[in-house]
Structures are given as C-alpha cells and as structure tokens.
Amino acid sequence: MTQAITQITILGASGSIGRSTLDVISRHTDRYKVYALTANTNVDALEQLCHRWNPCFAVMSDDASAVELSARLRDKNLATRVLSGDSGLLQVVEDESVDCVVAAIVGAAGLIPSLAAAAAGKRVLLANKEALVMSGKLFMDTARENDAVLLPVDSEHNAIFQSLPDCLTKHHSSVKITNRQAKTGIERVWLTASGGPFRTFDAARLHDVTPEQAVNHPNWDMGKKISVDSATLMNKGLELIEAYWLFDLDIENIDVVIHPQSVIHSMVTYNDGSVLAQLGNPDMRTPIAHALAWPERIESGVEPLNIYEVAKLDFEQPDMERFPCLRLCYEAIKRGGSATIVLNAANEVAVAAFLDGEIGFTDIAYLIERTLKQADIVEDVSSLEGILEADAMARIITRDGISKIPSQRARHEHNT
C-alpha cells in the first residue's frame, strides 16, 4: 500500500532547526512534502529555499520583505505564493492541507503560530521552547482539547520522551504524563547541559565576556540568541520550564546536570534504580527525524555514536552563583503565574542589548532579576491576551533597566 505524503509547514525555515529539518526531509521525499516555509526578514535565504523546495507558500514577517521575495520568485517563474505577518503564519499552520508543523521560530514571536498549530489539531514538532515558557497551561490544554500530536524536538526533551515507558508515549496525545509517573516508577528526569563556552570561567572572566565569544558554542551550531542563552545557562532554564509543562512533573523532580561531551541528551530515573538515557552524536537531525516519523524510526543522516572515540563521560552540578539565570528559572516556576512570561521577555530584551554592545554579559542576569522584582506578577494568565500583556510590560521594565546601566563603551573608556 502506498504511504500517504505528509505535508509540512516549517516555521523558521532559515534557522538551524529549519535547515536540519529540510536535510532530513531530503532523505525521505517519498514520505514528506514541504507545504510552506517561513522566515523573518532574510529574503536571500528564503529565496534559495523556495528555489530548492518549491513550497506552495512562503511567509515573511513584514510586507516589504514579502514584496521583495514575491518579485524575485516571479522572475524565476516559481509558483510559490508569498504571504506576510501573523496572518500569513496562521494561514500556513491552520490550512487543512497541512499535516505537520515544525515550530522553530525563536523567542516569543513563535508563540502565536505554535499555539495556532496546536489549536488546529496538527502534529506539532515543538522546537520553540518559549511557547511553553510563556503559555504552558494554555498551550498544553489547547493541544489536548484539539487532539494535537505534540512532540518535542529539543534534544533534551526528545531524549526524555524516548526514555519514557511505552504506556506513556504510545497514545497520540504524546508527552503529557498527567501525574501517572508514580504508577510507572518514574522518580525524576535529568536535563543534560554542555555548560556552554564559559563553563570553567570564574566571575571576573564572565564579567568581560564579549558577544563574539558568547555566540561561539563548543558543540552546537545555533543562532546568536540561543547561543547566548546557552552561555548564560538560560537556555537550560527555559528547557527546565518546558519539561515542567511537557511531562507534568513536580519541579523538585527535574534536575540539570552539566555534561560537557553532549553525548547523553537526557535521562530518566526509575524507582528500581534504573536510569534510562538516550545517547547520540550532538546533531539535531536525530530528534527531528524521531519526531517526524514517531512512532516509527527513519534514517536521519547522523553518523552512529562511536563510544570508543567518546572514551569518557563527565558530569557535574551547575554553579548557580556563576550562572544565576538557571536559578532565576527555578524561582520563576515556583512563583507561578506570569513569572515565567516576565523572565522570558526580560531575557530576550537583555540578550539583544548584550549582542548590540549596550550591556555586559553578567548584566543579563541582573536585568532579569530586576524585572522579576519590579513586575506585577499576575496569578491568572490563562488567556493569550493576558500572556501578551505580561510580556509587553516586562519588556518595558527591562528596557528601563538597560537605560540605568552604564554602557559597555562608557565603562571601557572609564577603565582605560
């Protein structure tokens, strides 16, 4: 019997997750077809992808970029229709022709289309952790109520998913355990972290970290924002919040462990003493291929792990004094309400300011903590409107905080 073709929309197609997804799809064109590709404002990148994949639709974030892309595609006689903005994103995730949505837009910008994909009952491959950080309960409820298939693409959450008992993963509503872990013997989950490029830096060296250093991750090829988040351990903190919602575990049963080799992607501890782990070379095509084909497995293009070359596996506890962003994430979860929304918004603004040279590396955590203290943490954030309002207010508070920090340039001139 001929297998039906799965039509896929990739949100954030020009980023690292989008490119890795397309690489996996290229190996299985008999199973998957690209329906729509989206990008922010990178017209050159999306033009190349449209030429290669000839999707039905392409979506740019603004009208000007969409007009330019449309003109270029017409010149090449490509039939791809170009859309723009939130309305364009919603169209390509909600269309009844779409079977699967890869949610890989970085940051808060990915929330609305990711949530819409869940509301439309699609198979959602979630790589946008901010969607759950900002709207955890709303997102999970939406996925369940609309019979969406929610599968994690972040390597850590995908590894946990692969290490769970079959009775918790065989149902197509996928990952939410709904407090059944006691019946299956699950005691805790472990999120592994590489530790980033500054794992061994002391406080003085962290103070002098430059944006160029921060975006140079030792193991993963990522965008600038995610690379900085990895360097501050904020990325691991956001994954902690994501795991809290995905797997419905008490936060006290979720740990972070530094594992520099990035070979073990995460682990699950059971009450009989067993620890199940998913291992593999650090390549995002593995979790993407797993989520695309689940419950089947398909070839991903990733070389098998050579354990003789790995030779050893190191583990250490994270230092939350040198890397306070991780501590702030734990505190935000425990505080509840809009705290994680505020934390995420403050981090996005602070990281952008760091990359622009406005603040120092250690100022990122300072600004997040300041914003959490000054923001009005709302208990009920069950609506999208309330979530976006909390996000907007946190950004205002954080930008105000930036204005009160001496610029990196001024501090450098003062020190010299």
Foldseek 3Di string as FASTA:
>chain_A
DQADAAEEEEEALLFPLNVLLVLQCVVPVSHYAYAEYEHEQPLVSVLVVCVVRLHQEYEYADDVSQVVNVVVCVVVVRNYHYYYHPVRLLCVLQDPSHAEYEQADEAPVSQPSQLSNLLSQHAYADPHLVNCLLALVLSLVSNVVSNHQYAYLQLQRLFVQVADDCVQAVDRSGFENPPCCVVVQWQAKEAEALCWPCNPPDLVVQQVDALVRQQDTPADNGDSLVSLCSNLVLNVLSVLSSCCRRHVDDSVRYFYKYKNQCFFRMWIAGNVGDIDTDGFRPDSQQSSQVSVDPVDGDDRPGDGDDVVVVVDIDIDHGDCVSRVSNVQSSVQVVVAARSSLLLRLLLVLLSVCRNVQFHTSVVSNVLSVQLSVPADRDHDPNDPVSSVVSSVVSNVSSVVVSVVDHTNVVVVVVVD
